[in-house]
Amino acid sequence: MDGDVNILDLTIVASSFEEDGQNAADVNGDGIVNILDLVQVAVLFDNTKSTP
């Protein structure tokens, strides 16, 4: 939630893989951390919300 999508976000999702229930790593909100969450983070990797 720092505005940057980076390796730390990917690590959080990967370390929570296959967990279910309410979880910050469930980025698509479907109730389970799975490959769809990893892909969503990977697509946004290195994107930032801030301007230079």
PDB file of N, CA and C in Angstrom:
ATOM      1  N   MET A   1       0.816  -1.209   0.000  1.00  0.00           N
ATOM      2  CA  MET A   1       0.000   0.000   0.000  1.00  0.00           C
ATOM      3  C   MET A   1       0.855   1.267   0.000  1.00  0.00           C
ATOM      4  N   ASP A   2       2.084   1.155  -0.475  1.00  0.00           N
ATOM      5  CA  ASP A   2       2.959   2.317  -0.522  1.00  0.00           C
ATOM      6  C   ASP A   2       2.938   3.008  -1.880  1.00  0.00           C
ATOM      7  N   GLY A   3       2.114   2.505  -2.808  1.00  0.00           N
ATOM      8  CA  GLY A   3       2.021   3.117  -4.123  1.00  0.00           C
ATOM      9  C   GLY A   3       2.944   2.512  -5.155  1.00  0.00           C
ATOM     10  N   ASP A   4       3.858   1.650  -4.726  1.00  0.00           N
ATOM     11  CA  ASP A   4       4.780   0.984  -5.641  1.00  0.00           C
ATOM     12  C   ASP A   4       4.438  -0.499  -5.711  1.00  0.00           C
ATOM     13  N   VAL A   5       4.436  -1.040  -6.911  1.00  0.00           N
ATOM     14  CA  VAL A   5       4.291  -2.482  -7.080  1.00  0.00           C
ATOM     15  C   VAL A   5       5.681  -3.004  -7.413  1.00  0.00           C
ATOM     16  N   ASN A   6       6.236  -3.775  -6.473  1.00  0.00           N
ATOM     17  CA  ASN A   6       7.616  -4.212  -6.633  1.00  0.00           C
ATOM     18  C   ASN A   6       7.793  -5.624  -6.095  1.00  0.00           C
ATOM     19  N   ILE A   7       9.025  -6.050  -5.959  1.00  0.00           N
ATOM     20  CA  ILE A   7       9.340  -7.404  -5.516  1.00  0.00           C
ATOM     21  C   ILE A   7       8.759  -7.708  -4.141  1.00  0.00           C
ATOM     22  N   LEU A   8       8.623  -6.719  -3.299  1.00  0.00           N
ATOM     23  CA  LEU A   8       8.044  -6.954  -1.982  1.00  0.00           C
ATOM     24  C   LEU A   8       6.585  -7.395  -2.090  1.00  0.00           C
ATOM     25  N   ASP A   9       5.831  -6.778  -2.994  1.00  0.00           N
ATOM     26  CA  ASP A   9       4.434  -7.166  -3.198  1.00  0.00           C
ATOM     27  C   ASP A   9       4.342  -8.587  -3.749  1.00  0.00           C
ATOM     28  N   LEU A  10       5.202  -8.894  -4.691  1.00  0.00           N
ATOM     29  CA  LEU A  10       5.218 -10.233  -5.269  1.00  0.00           C
ATOM     30  C   LEU A  10       5.569 -11.271  -4.200  1.00  0.00           C
ATOM     31  N   THR A  11       6.482 -10.937  -3.321  1.00  0.00           N
ATOM     32  CA  THR A  11       6.872 -11.830  -2.239  1.00  0.00           C
ATOM     33  C   THR A  11       5.724 -12.057  -1.258  1.00  0.00           C
ATOM     34  N   ILE A  12       4.988 -11.016  -0.937  1.00  0.00           N
ATOM     35  CA  ILE A  12       3.842 -11.132  -0.025  1.00  0.00           C
ATOM     36  C   ILE A  12       2.801 -12.075  -0.598  1.00  0.00           C
ATOM     37  N   VAL A  13       2.495 -11.912  -1.875  1.00  0.00           N
ATOM     38  CA  VAL A  13       1.502 -12.774  -2.511  1.00  0.00           C
ATOM     39  C   VAL A  13       2.017 -14.211  -2.574  1.00  0.00           C
ATOM     40  N   ALA A  14       3.254 -14.383  -2.971  1.00  0.00           N
ATOM     41  CA  ALA A  14       3.817 -15.736  -3.090  1.00  0.00           C
ATOM     42  C   ALA A  14       3.873 -16.453  -1.741  1.00  0.00           C
ATOM     43  N   SER A  15       4.193 -15.738  -0.684  1.00  0.00           N
ATOM     44  CA  SER A  15       4.294 -16.374   0.636  1.00  0.00           C
ATOM     45  C   SER A  15       2.922 -16.724   1.208  1.00  0.00           C
ATOM     46  N   SER A  16       1.871 -16.139   0.663  1.00  0.00           N
ATOM     47  CA  SER A  16       0.510 -16.427   1.122  1.00  0.00           C
ATOM     48  C   SER A  16      -0.246 -17.333   0.147  1.00  0.00           C
ATOM     49  N   PHE A  17       0.476 -17.898  -0.802  1.00  0.00           N
ATOM     50  CA  PHE A  17      -0.136 -18.709  -1.857  1.00  0.00           C
ATOM     51  C   PHE A  17      -1.012 -19.814  -1.275  1.00  0.00           C
ATOM     52  N   GLU A  18      -2.222 -19.940  -1.809  1.00  0.00           N
ATOM     53  CA  GLU A  18      -3.247 -20.921  -1.453  1.00  0.00           C
ATOM     54  C   GLU A  18      -3.887 -20.691  -0.091  1.00  0.00           C
ATOM     55  N   GLU A  19      -3.641 -19.557   0.543  1.00  0.00           N
ATOM     56  CA  GLU A  19      -4.366 -19.211   1.759  1.00  0.00           C
ATOM     57  C   GLU A  19      -5.738 -18.693   1.349  1.00  0.00           C
ATOM     58  N   ASP A  20      -6.721 -18.941   2.183  1.00  0.00           N
ATOM     59  CA  ASP A  20      -8.059 -18.440   1.873  1.00  0.00           C
ATOM     60  C   ASP A  20      -8.564 -17.569   3.007  1.00  0.00           C
ATOM     61  N   GLY A  21      -9.695 -16.950   2.775  1.00  0.00           N
ATOM     62  CA  GLY A  21     -10.252 -16.020   3.738  1.00  0.00           C
ATOM     63  C   GLY A  21      -9.730 -14.613   3.502  1.00  0.00           C
ATOM     64  N   GLN A  22     -10.060 -13.722   4.412  1.00  0.00           N
ATOM     65  CA  GLN A  22      -9.633 -12.339   4.280  1.00  0.00           C
ATOM     66  C   GLN A  22      -8.119 -12.258   4.393  1.00  0.00           C
ATOM     67  N   ASN A  23      -7.489 -11.703   3.347  1.00  0.00           N
ATOM     68  CA  ASN A  23      -6.034 -11.691   3.287  1.00  0.00           C
ATOM     69  C   ASN A  23      -5.604 -10.549   2.377  1.00  0.00           C
ATOM     70  N   ALA A  24      -4.674  -9.737   2.825  1.00  0.00           N
ATOM     71  CA  ALA A  24      -4.191  -8.609   2.019  1.00  0.00           C
ATOM     72  C   ALA A  24      -3.539  -9.070   0.730  1.00  0.00           C
ATOM     73  N   ALA A  25      -3.029 -10.289   0.690  1.00  0.00           N
ATOM     74  CA  ALA A  25      -2.381 -10.809  -0.514  1.00  0.00           C
ATOM     75  C   ALA A  25      -3.393 -11.245  -1.571  1.00  0.00           C
ATOM     76  N   ASP A  26      -4.663 -11.320  -1.212  1.00  0.00           N
ATOM     77  CA  ASP A  26      -5.726 -11.667  -2.161  1.00  0.00           C
ATOM     78  C   ASP A  26      -6.107 -10.402  -2.923  1.00  0.00           C
ATOM     79  N   VAL A  27      -5.289 -10.033  -3.887  1.00  0.00           N
ATOM     80  CA  VAL A  27      -5.437  -8.737  -4.549  1.00  0.00           C
ATOM     81  C   VAL A  27      -6.656  -8.649  -5.456  1.00  0.00           C
ATOM     82  N   ASN A  28      -7.191  -9.778  -5.923  1.00  0.00           N
ATOM     83  CA  ASN A  28      -8.377  -9.710  -6.774  1.00  0.00           C
ATOM     84  C   ASN A  28      -9.672  -9.935  -5.988  1.00  0.00           C
ATOM     85  N   GLY A  29      -9.559 -10.204  -4.691  1.00  0.00           N
ATOM     86  CA  GLY A  29     -10.727 -10.270  -3.815  1.00  0.00           C
ATOM     87  C   GLY A  29     -11.619 -11.484  -3.990  1.00  0.00           C
ATOM     88  N   ASP A  30     -11.083 -12.596  -4.518  1.00  0.00           N
ATOM     89  CA  ASP A  30     -11.914 -13.775  -4.724  1.00  0.00           C
ATOM     90  C   ASP A  30     -11.895 -14.747  -3.545  1.00  0.00           C
ATOM     91  N   GLY A  31     -11.201 -14.399  -2.469  1.00  0.00           N
ATOM     92  CA  GLY A  31     -11.210 -15.209  -1.261  1.00  0.00           C
ATOM     93  C   GLY A  31     -10.091 -16.220  -1.144  1.00  0.00           C
ATOM     94  N   ILE A  32      -9.229 -16.308  -2.132  1.00  0.00           N
ATOM     95  CA  ILE A  32      -8.085 -17.219  -2.072  1.00  0.00           C
ATOM     96  C   ILE A  32      -6.899 -16.592  -2.794  1.00  0.00           C
ATOM     97  N   VAL A  33      -5.715 -16.789  -2.245  1.00  0.00           N
ATOM     98  CA  VAL A  33      -4.495 -16.298  -2.894  1.00  0.00           C
ATOM     99  C   VAL A  33      -4.031 -17.393  -3.845  1.00  0.00           C
ATOM    100  N   ASN A  34      -4.041 -17.071  -5.142  1.00  0.00           N
ATOM    101  CA  ASN A  34      -3.688 -18.074  -6.141  1.00  0.00           C
ATOM    102  C   ASN A  34      -2.932 -17.433  -7.300  1.00  0.00           C
ATOM    103  N   ILE A  35      -2.792 -18.188  -8.374  1.00  0.00           N
ATOM    104  CA  ILE A  35      -2.025 -17.728  -9.524  1.00  0.00           C
ATOM    105  C   ILE A  35      -2.589 -16.433 -10.111  1.00  0.00           C
ATOM    106  N   LEU A  36      -3.884 -16.231 -10.009  1.00  0.00           N
ATOM    107  CA  LEU A  36      -4.488 -15.001 -10.535  1.00  0.00           C
ATOM    108  C   LEU A  36      -3.974 -13.771  -9.789  1.00  0.00           C
ATOM    109  N   ASP A  37      -3.762 -13.907  -8.495  1.00  0.00           N
ATOM    110  CA  ASP A  37      -3.202 -12.798  -7.710  1.00  0.00           C
ATOM    111  C   ASP A  37      -1.748 -12.541  -8.097  1.00  0.00           C
ATOM    112  N   LEU A  38      -0.988 -13.616  -8.277  1.00  0.00           N
ATOM    113  CA  LEU A  38       0.407 -13.464  -8.695  1.00  0.00           C
ATOM    114  C   LEU A  38       0.505 -12.782 -10.051  1.00  0.00           C
ATOM    115  N   VAL A  39      -0.350 -13.175 -10.984  1.00  0.00           N
ATOM    116  CA  VAL A  39      -0.329 -12.578 -12.314  1.00  0.00           C
ATOM    117  C   VAL A  39      -0.693 -11.100 -12.243  1.00  0.00           C
ATOM    118  N   GLN A  40      -1.705 -10.774 -11.441  1.00  0.00           N
ATOM    119  CA  GLN A  40      -2.120  -9.378 -11.332  1.00  0.00           C
ATOM    120  C   GLN A  40      -0.983  -8.514 -10.783  1.00  0.00           C
ATOM    121  N   VAL A  41      -0.251  -8.998  -9.804  1.00  0.00           N
ATOM    122  CA  VAL A  41       0.882  -8.245  -9.266  1.00  0.00           C
ATOM    123  C   VAL A  41       1.999  -8.167 -10.301  1.00  0.00           C
ATOM    124  N   ALA A  42       2.260  -9.279 -10.976  1.00  0.00           N
ATOM    125  CA  ALA A  42       3.339  -9.300 -11.972  1.00  0.00           C
ATOM    126  C   ALA A  42       3.080  -8.319 -13.107  1.00  0.00           C
ATOM    127  N   VAL A  43       1.834  -8.195 -13.533  1.00  0.00           N
ATOM    128  CA  VAL A  43       1.486  -7.265 -14.616  1.00  0.00           C
ATOM    129  C   VAL A  43       1.777  -5.824 -14.200  1.00  0.00           C
ATOM    130  N   LEU A  44       1.562  -5.528 -12.944  1.00  0.00           N
ATOM    131  CA  LEU A  44       1.758  -4.159 -12.449  1.00  0.00           C
ATOM    132  C   LEU A  44       3.151  -3.915 -11.881  1.00  0.00           C
ATOM    133  N   PHE A  45       4.006  -4.928 -11.951  1.00  0.00           N
ATOM    134  CA  PHE A  45       5.351  -4.849 -11.381  1.00  0.00           C
ATOM    135  C   PHE A  45       6.073  -3.603 -11.870  1.00  0.00           C
ATOM    136  N   ASP A  46       6.676  -2.885 -10.954  1.00  0.00           N
ATOM    137  CA  ASP A  46       7.431  -1.646 -11.211  1.00  0.00           C
ATOM    138  C   ASP A  46       6.559  -0.453 -11.580  1.00  0.00           C
ATOM    139  N   ASN A  47       5.243  -0.572 -11.506  1.00  0.00           N
ATOM    140  CA  ASN A  47       4.371   0.588 -11.703  1.00  0.00           C
ATOM    141  C   ASN A  47       4.274   1.359 -10.395  1.00  0.00           C
ATOM    142  N   THR A  48       4.141   2.658 -10.488  1.00  0.00           N
ATOM    143  CA  THR A  48       3.989   3.485  -9.293  1.00  0.00           C
ATOM    144  C   THR A  48       2.790   4.393  -9.450  1.00  0.00           C
ATOM    145  N   LYS A  49       2.198   4.770  -8.332  1.00  0.00           N
ATOM    146  CA  LYS A  49       1.097   5.718  -8.337  1.00  0.00           C
ATOM    147  C   LYS A  49       1.612   7.153  -8.252  1.00  0.00           C
ATOM    148  N   SER A  50       2.832   7.289  -7.824  1.00  0.00           N
ATOM    149  CA  SER A  50       3.387   8.627  -7.631  1.00  0.00           C
ATOM    150  C   SER A  50       4.008   9.148  -8.933  1.00  0.00           C
ATOM    151  N   THR A  51       4.127  10.442  -9.009  1.00  0.00           N
ATOM    152  CA  THR A  51       4.773  11.047 -10.176  1.00  0.00           C
ATOM    153  C   THR A  51       6.195  11.415  -9.826  1.00  0.00           C
ATOM    154  N   PRO A  52       7.080  11.392 -10.806  1.00  0.00           N
ATOM    155  CA  PRO A  52       8.484  11.708 -10.492  1.00  0.00           C
ATOM    156  C   PRO A  52       8.691  13.161 -10.065  1.00  0.00           C
TER     157      PRO A  52
END
